[in-house]
């Protein structure tokens, strides 16, 4: 289970992309041969060459992923407990240039994500927080996104990019086997990987 979607910390497997197997002409011929049917369109040398080609494809191992989440993710990653105030998150994002902050429970479990866009809706409170302290009583748990899509350090970059496009998200937290936060992979990390590792081979 490399891609997980969790709501309020309760994980479920993210649906995998369905793949369609395409039958080629050679596969169809091979299937007829397997059932004792002879093709009238291919002579003996062509059948021998075809069989050798198919056998070569069967003997060839599947390509291994060349780039994994751990190769491009940012680590360690800063997170905030769910009882943190909005002004704390605003200060961190403003000073460090972050656009996403993972939110954890008191036990360290990932329970949500807070984005810069989430905070923008509370700009009036945040701007006046220094004087009236209106925002000081509000916690990040009240405005965070409780539905979080995460991946593991060994998740393929191609799969993460696909999910980010489908879900229109810009950052994916990376969790270990105990679902502890070990990193974060953002769209900026993907672009940096392409720039620094170019050409970025997704498969060896």
C-alpha atoms as a PDB file:
ATOM      1  CA  UNK A   1       0.000   0.000   0.000  1.00  0.00           C
ATOM      2  CA  UNK A   2       2.027   2.942  -1.262  1.00  0.00           C
ATOM      3  CA  UNK A   3      -0.676   5.611  -1.651  1.00  0.00           C
ATOM      4  CA  UNK A   4      -2.989   6.065   1.333  1.00  0.00           C
ATOM      5  CA  UNK A   5      -5.886   8.458   1.854  1.00  0.00           C
ATOM      6  CA  UNK A   6      -6.836   9.139   5.467  1.00  0.00           C
ATOM      7  CA  UNK A   7      -9.674  11.160   6.966  1.00  0.00           C
ATOM      8  CA  UNK A   8      -9.057  12.338  10.519  1.00  0.00           C
ATOM      9  CA  UNK A   9      -6.185   9.861  10.719  1.00  0.00           C
ATOM     10  CA  UNK A  10      -8.207   6.808   9.613  1.00  0.00           C
ATOM     11  CA  UNK A  11      -6.367   5.340   6.596  1.00  0.00           C
ATOM     12  CA  UNK A  12      -7.783   3.709   3.471  1.00  0.00           C
ATOM     13  CA  UNK A  13      -6.058   2.484   0.327  1.00  0.00           C
ATOM     14  CA  UNK A  14      -6.121   5.009  -2.506  1.00  0.00           C
ATOM     15  CA  UNK A  15      -7.610   3.405  -5.648  1.00  0.00           C
ATOM     16  CA  UNK A  16      -4.936   2.271  -8.048  1.00  0.00           C
ATOM     17  CA  UNK A  17      -4.999   3.241 -11.702  1.00  0.00           C
ATOM     18  CA  UNK A  18      -6.771   0.653 -13.810  1.00  0.00           C
ATOM     19  CA  UNK A  19      -4.663  -0.777 -16.588  1.00  0.00           C
ATOM     20  CA  UNK A  20      -5.943  -2.130 -19.893  1.00  0.00           C
ATOM     21  CA  UNK A  21      -4.128  -5.037 -21.480  1.00  0.00           C
ATOM     22  CA  UNK A  22      -3.875  -4.592 -25.225  1.00  0.00           C
ATOM     23  CA  UNK A  23      -3.803  -7.714 -27.388  1.00  0.00           C
ATOM     24  CA  UNK A  24      -1.356  -7.436 -30.232  1.00  0.00           C
ATOM     25  CA  UNK A  25      -1.534  -9.368 -33.460  1.00  0.00           C
ATOM     26  CA  UNK A  26       1.369 -11.550 -32.392  1.00  0.00           C
ATOM     27  CA  UNK A  27      -0.310 -12.341 -29.061  1.00  0.00           C
ATOM     28  CA  UNK A  28      -3.445 -13.402 -30.886  1.00  0.00           C
ATOM     29  CA  UNK A  29      -1.442 -15.677 -33.153  1.00  0.00           C
ATOM     30  CA  UNK A  30       0.379 -17.158 -30.168  1.00  0.00           C
ATOM     31  CA  UNK A  31      -2.948 -17.820 -28.486  1.00  0.00           C
ATOM     32  CA  UNK A  32      -4.193 -19.694 -31.541  1.00  0.00           C
ATOM     33  CA  UNK A  33      -1.001 -21.735 -31.618  1.00  0.00           C
ATOM     34  CA  UNK A  34      -1.467 -22.610 -27.941  1.00  0.00           C
ATOM     35  CA  UNK A  35      -4.877 -24.092 -28.754  1.00  0.00           C
ATOM     36  CA  UNK A  36      -3.589 -26.033 -31.732  1.00  0.00           C
ATOM     37  CA  UNK A  37      -4.734 -23.604 -34.409  1.00  0.00           C
ATOM     38  CA  UNK A  38      -2.386 -22.791 -37.276  1.00  0.00           C
ATOM     39  CA  UNK A  39      -2.209 -19.363 -38.862  1.00  0.00           C
ATOM     40  CA  UNK A  40      -2.437 -19.314 -42.617  1.00  0.00           C
ATOM     41  CA  UNK A  41      -0.927 -15.856 -42.898  1.00  0.00           C
ATOM     42  CA  UNK A  42       2.532 -16.653 -41.463  1.00  0.00           C
ATOM     43  CA  UNK A  43       5.089 -19.038 -42.900  1.00  0.00           C
ATOM     44  CA  UNK A  44       7.401 -21.176 -40.755  1.00  0.00           C
ATOM     45  CA  UNK A  45      10.380 -18.708 -40.521  1.00  0.00           C
ATOM     46  CA  UNK A  46       8.023 -15.910 -39.481  1.00  0.00           C
ATOM     47  CA  UNK A  47       6.475 -18.090 -36.787  1.00  0.00           C
ATOM     48  CA  UNK A  48       9.916 -19.023 -35.464  1.00  0.00           C
ATOM     49  CA  UNK A  49      10.974 -15.363 -35.331  1.00  0.00           C
ATOM     50  CA  UNK A  50       7.707 -14.426 -33.657  1.00  0.00           C
ATOM     51  CA  UNK A  51       8.072 -17.126 -31.032  1.00  0.00           C
ATOM     52  CA  UNK A  52      11.649 -16.044 -30.264  1.00  0.00           C
ATOM     53  CA  UNK A  53      10.543 -12.427 -29.925  1.00  0.00           C
ATOM     54  CA  UNK A  54       7.734 -13.347 -27.531  1.00  0.00           C
ATOM     55  CA  UNK A  55      10.060 -15.538 -25.478  1.00  0.00           C
ATOM     56  CA  UNK A  56      12.530 -12.660 -25.206  1.00  0.00           C
ATOM     57  CA  UNK A  57       9.724 -10.460 -23.847  1.00  0.00           C
ATOM     58  CA  UNK A  58       8.801 -13.083 -21.262  1.00  0.00           C
ATOM     59  CA  UNK A  59      12.399 -13.535 -20.135  1.00  0.00           C
ATOM     60  CA  UNK A  60      12.971  -9.787 -19.784  1.00  0.00           C
ATOM     61  CA  UNK A  61      12.400  -8.574 -16.218  1.00  0.00           C
ATOM     62  CA  UNK A  62       9.945  -5.766 -15.599  1.00  0.00           C
ATOM     63  CA  UNK A  63      11.610  -2.335 -15.427  1.00  0.00           C
ATOM     64  CA  UNK A  64      12.428  -1.172 -11.922  1.00  0.00           C
ATOM     65  CA  UNK A  65      11.456   2.300 -10.752  1.00  0.00           C
ATOM     66  CA  UNK A  66      14.429   4.628 -10.973  1.00  0.00           C
ATOM     67  CA  UNK A  67      13.166   7.488  -8.794  1.00  0.00           C
ATOM     68  CA  UNK A  68      11.299   7.041  -5.522  1.00  0.00           C
ATOM     69  CA  UNK A  69       9.754   9.480  -3.063  1.00  0.00           C
ATOM     70  CA  UNK A  70      12.762   9.254  -0.755  1.00  0.00           C
ATOM     71  CA  UNK A  71      14.998  10.515  -3.568  1.00  0.00           C
ATOM     72  CA  UNK A  72      13.200  13.853  -3.922  1.00  0.00           C
ATOM     73  CA  UNK A  73      11.277  14.461  -0.695  1.00  0.00           C
ATOM     74  CA  UNK A  74      12.167  17.195   1.772  1.00  0.00           C
ATOM     75  CA  UNK A  75      13.273  15.799   5.133  1.00  0.00           C
ATOM     76  CA  UNK A  76      13.063  16.362   7.989  1.00  0.00           C
ATOM     77  CA  UNK A  77       9.693  18.055   7.729  1.00  0.00           C
ATOM     78  CA  UNK A  78       8.219  20.588  10.109  1.00  0.00           C
ATOM     79  CA  UNK A  79       4.776  19.770  11.486  1.00  0.00           C
ATOM     80  CA  UNK A  80       2.406  21.323  14.003  1.00  0.00           C
ATOM     81  CA  UNK A  81       0.177  19.701  16.625  1.00  0.00           C
ATOM     82  CA  UNK A  82      -3.549  20.099  16.046  1.00  0.00           C
ATOM     83  CA  UNK A  83      -3.937  22.411  19.040  1.00  0.00           C
ATOM     84  CA  UNK A  84      -1.527  24.992  17.587  1.00  0.00           C
ATOM     85  CA  UNK A  85      -2.941  28.456  16.995  1.00  0.00           C
ATOM     86  CA  UNK A  86      -3.467  29.942  13.560  1.00  0.00           C
ATOM     87  CA  UNK A  87      -1.023  32.732  14.275  1.00  0.00           C
ATOM     88  CA  UNK A  88       1.736  30.151  14.854  1.00  0.00           C
ATOM     89  CA  UNK A  89       1.134  28.541  11.471  1.00  0.00           C
ATOM     90  CA  UNK A  90       0.922  31.947   9.798  1.00  0.00           C
ATOM     91  CA  UNK A  91       4.227  33.039  11.319  1.00  0.00           C
ATOM     92  CA  UNK A  92       6.005  29.851  10.203  1.00  0.00           C
ATOM     93  CA  UNK A  93       4.647  29.997   6.661  1.00  0.00           C
ATOM     94  CA  UNK A  94       5.435  33.689   6.305  1.00  0.00           C
ATOM     95  CA  UNK A  95       8.989  33.454   7.627  1.00  0.00           C
ATOM     96  CA  UNK A  96      10.028  30.140   6.077  1.00  0.00           C
ATOM     97  CA  UNK A  97       8.125  30.356   2.817  1.00  0.00           C
ATOM     98  CA  UNK A  98       6.200  27.120   3.416  1.00  0.00           C
ATOM     99  CA  UNK A  99       2.925  26.497   1.614  1.00  0.00           C
ATOM    100  CA  UNK A 100       1.898  23.334   3.444  1.00  0.00           C
ATOM    101  CA  UNK A 101       2.270  22.151   7.030  1.00  0.00           C
ATOM    102  CA  UNK A 102       1.303  18.623   8.169  1.00  0.00           C
ATOM    103  CA  UNK A 103      -0.859  18.585  11.293  1.00  0.00           C
ATOM    104  CA  UNK A 104      -0.384  15.820  13.859  1.00  0.00           C
ATOM    105  CA  UNK A 105      -2.296  14.548  16.866  1.00  0.00           C
ATOM    106  CA  UNK A 106      -0.933  14.501  20.410  1.00  0.00           C
ATOM    107  CA  UNK A 107       0.324  10.987  19.631  1.00  0.00           C
ATOM    108  CA  UNK A 108       2.238  12.128  16.536  1.00  0.00           C
ATOM    109  CA  UNK A 109      -0.231  10.665  14.027  1.00  0.00           C
ATOM    110  CA  UNK A 110      -0.903  12.656  10.879  1.00  0.00           C
ATOM    111  CA  UNK A 111      -4.478  13.964  11.067  1.00  0.00           C
ATOM    112  CA  UNK A 112      -4.566  16.792   8.539  1.00  0.00           C
ATOM    113  CA  UNK A 113      -2.824  19.249   6.240  1.00  0.00           C
ATOM    114  CA  UNK A 114      -2.819  23.002   6.510  1.00  0.00           C
ATOM    115  CA  UNK A 115      -2.165  25.020   3.377  1.00  0.00           C
ATOM    116  CA  UNK A 116      -1.386  28.651   2.776  1.00  0.00           C
ATOM    117  CA  UNK A 117      -4.735  28.868   1.003  1.00  0.00           C
ATOM    118  CA  UNK A 118      -6.518  27.684   4.162  1.00  0.00           C
ATOM    119  CA  UNK A 119      -4.960  30.537   6.097  1.00  0.00           C
ATOM    120  CA  UNK A 120      -5.732  33.162   3.451  1.00  0.00           C
ATOM    121  CA  UNK A 121      -9.424  32.904   4.308  1.00  0.00           C
ATOM    122  CA  UNK A 122      -8.539  34.135   7.801  1.00  0.00           C
ATOM    123  CA  UNK A 123      -6.378  37.073   6.744  1.00  0.00           C
ATOM    124  CA  UNK A 124      -8.459  39.718   8.556  1.00  0.00           C
ATOM    125  CA  UNK A 125      -8.055  37.901  11.853  1.00  0.00           C
ATOM    126  CA  UNK A 126      -4.359  37.241  11.276  1.00  0.00           C
ATOM    127  CA  UNK A 127      -3.554  40.814  10.336  1.00  0.00           C
ATOM    128  CA  UNK A 128      -5.226  42.208  13.447  1.00  0.00           C
ATOM    129  CA  UNK A 129      -3.986  39.387  15.673  1.00  0.00           C
ATOM    130  CA  UNK A 130      -1.128  41.521  16.998  1.00  0.00           C
ATOM    131  CA  UNK A 131      -3.575  44.027  18.429  1.00  0.00           C
ATOM    132  CA  UNK A 132      -6.869  42.330  19.191  1.00  0.00           C
ATOM    133  CA  UNK A 133      -5.614  38.712  19.541  1.00  0.00           C
ATOM    134  CA  UNK A 134      -8.754  37.552  17.745  1.00  0.00           C
ATOM    135  CA  UNK A 135      -6.921  34.745  15.968  1.00  0.00           C
ATOM    136  CA  UNK A 136      -5.011  33.580  19.028  1.00  0.00           C
ATOM    137  CA  UNK A 137      -7.947  31.506  20.257  1.00  0.00           C
ATOM    138  CA  UNK A 138      -8.490  29.612  17.010  1.00  0.00           C
ATOM    139  CA  UNK A 139      -6.619  26.336  16.417  1.00  0.00           C
ATOM    140  CA  UNK A 140      -5.331  24.812  13.178  1.00  0.00           C
ATOM    141  CA  UNK A 141      -7.573  21.775  13.686  1.00  0.00           C
ATOM    142  CA  UNK A 142     -10.560  24.028  12.993  1.00  0.00           C
ATOM    143  CA  UNK A 143      -9.500  24.944   9.455  1.00  0.00           C
ATOM    144  CA  UNK A 144      -7.123  22.163   8.348  1.00  0.00           C
ATOM    145  CA  UNK A 145      -8.006  19.674   5.615  1.00  0.00           C
ATOM    146  CA  UNK A 146      -8.761  16.383   7.419  1.00  0.00           C
ATOM    147  CA  UNK A 147      -8.558  14.281   4.231  1.00  0.00           C
ATOM    148  CA  UNK A 148      -4.873  13.620   3.631  1.00  0.00           C
ATOM    149  CA  UNK A 149      -3.269  11.622   0.832  1.00  0.00           C
ATOM    150  CA  UNK A 150       0.115  10.227   1.821  1.00  0.00           C
ATOM    151  CA  UNK A 151       2.790   7.982   0.359  1.00  0.00           C
ATOM    152  CA  UNK A 152       5.731   5.905   1.563  1.00  0.00           C
ATOM    153  CA  UNK A 153       9.445   6.572   0.966  1.00  0.00           C
ATOM    154  CA  UNK A 154       9.482   3.779  -1.647  1.00  0.00           C
ATOM    155  CA  UNK A 155       6.462   4.999  -3.602  1.00  0.00           C
ATOM    156  CA  UNK A 156       7.267   5.642  -7.254  1.00  0.00           C
ATOM    157  CA  UNK A 157       7.432   9.287  -8.303  1.00  0.00           C
ATOM    158  CA  UNK A 158       5.250   8.552 -11.326  1.00  0.00           C
ATOM    159  CA  UNK A 159       2.442   7.284  -9.075  1.00  0.00           C
ATOM    160  CA  UNK A 160       2.669  10.282  -6.742  1.00  0.00           C
ATOM    161  CA  UNK A 161       2.609  12.704  -9.674  1.00  0.00           C
ATOM    162  CA  UNK A 162      -0.477  10.953 -11.078  1.00  0.00           C
ATOM    163  CA  UNK A 163      -2.337  11.267  -7.779  1.00  0.00           C
ATOM    164  CA  UNK A 164      -1.313  14.900  -7.361  1.00  0.00           C
ATOM    165  CA  UNK A 165      -2.740  15.676 -10.793  1.00  0.00           C
ATOM    166  CA  UNK A 166      -5.963  13.757 -10.186  1.00  0.00           C
ATOM    167  CA  UNK A 167      -6.549  15.281  -6.763  1.00  0.00           C
ATOM    168  CA  UNK A 168      -5.217  18.745  -7.666  1.00  0.00           C
ATOM    169  CA  UNK A 169      -2.963  18.822  -4.623  1.00  0.00           C
ATOM    170  CA  UNK A 170       0.500  20.332  -4.392  1.00  0.00           C
ATOM    171  CA  UNK A 171       2.103  18.356  -1.562  1.00  0.00           C
ATOM    172  CA  UNK A 172       2.057  14.767  -0.298  1.00  0.00           C
ATOM    173  CA  UNK A 173       3.351  13.846   3.177  1.00  0.00           C
ATOM    174  CA  UNK A 174       5.645  10.809   3.282  1.00  0.00           C
ATOM    175  CA  UNK A 175       5.033   8.321   6.105  1.00  0.00           C
ATOM    176  CA  UNK A 176       7.030   5.304   7.250  1.00  0.00           C
ATOM    177  CA  UNK A 177       5.570   1.857   7.949  1.00  0.00           C
ATOM    178  CA  UNK A 178       4.419   3.035  11.375  1.00  0.00           C
ATOM    179  CA  UNK A 179       2.668   6.005   9.714  1.00  0.00           C
ATOM    180  CA  UNK A 180       5.125   8.447  11.233  1.00  0.00           C
ATOM    181  CA  UNK A 181       5.925  11.578   9.268  1.00  0.00           C
ATOM    182  CA  UNK A 182       9.389  11.302   7.678  1.00  0.00           C
ATOM    183  CA  UNK A 183       9.186  13.835   4.851  1.00  0.00           C
ATOM    184  CA  UNK A 184       7.041  15.763   2.406  1.00  0.00           C
ATOM    185  CA  UNK A 185       7.032  15.823  -1.388  1.00  0.00           C
ATOM    186  CA  UNK A 186       5.775  18.975  -3.059  1.00  0.00           C
ATOM    187  CA  UNK A 187       5.312  20.026  -6.656  1.00  0.00           C
ATOM    188  CA  UNK A 188       8.372  22.222  -6.160  1.00  0.00           C
ATOM    189  CA  UNK A 189      10.393  19.155  -5.120  1.00  0.00           C
ATOM    190  CA  UNK A 190       9.331  17.414  -8.334  1.00  0.00           C
ATOM    191  CA  UNK A 191      10.389  20.396 -10.431  1.00  0.00           C
ATOM    192  CA  UNK A 192      13.679  20.649  -8.543  1.00  0.00           C
ATOM    193  CA  UNK A 193      14.284  16.961  -9.193  1.00  0.00           C
ATOM    194  CA  UNK A 194      13.744  17.421 -12.917  1.00  0.00           C
ATOM    195  CA  UNK A 195      16.057  20.439 -12.962  1.00  0.00           C
ATOM    196  CA  UNK A 196      18.852  18.834 -10.922  1.00  0.00           C
ATOM    197  CA  UNK A 197      18.659  15.265 -12.202  1.00  0.00           C
ATOM    198  CA  UNK A 198      17.811  15.930 -15.811  1.00  0.00           C
ATOM    199  CA  UNK A 199      17.093  13.991 -17.788  1.00  0.00           C
ATOM    200  CA  UNK A 200      14.981  12.425 -15.023  1.00  0.00           C
ATOM    201  CA  UNK A 201      14.502   8.791 -15.931  1.00  0.00           C
ATOM    202  CA  UNK A 202      11.367   7.364 -14.350  1.00  0.00           C
ATOM    203  CA  UNK A 203      12.368   3.838 -15.315  1.00  0.00           C
ATOM    204  CA  UNK A 204      15.701   2.089 -15.590  1.00  0.00           C
END
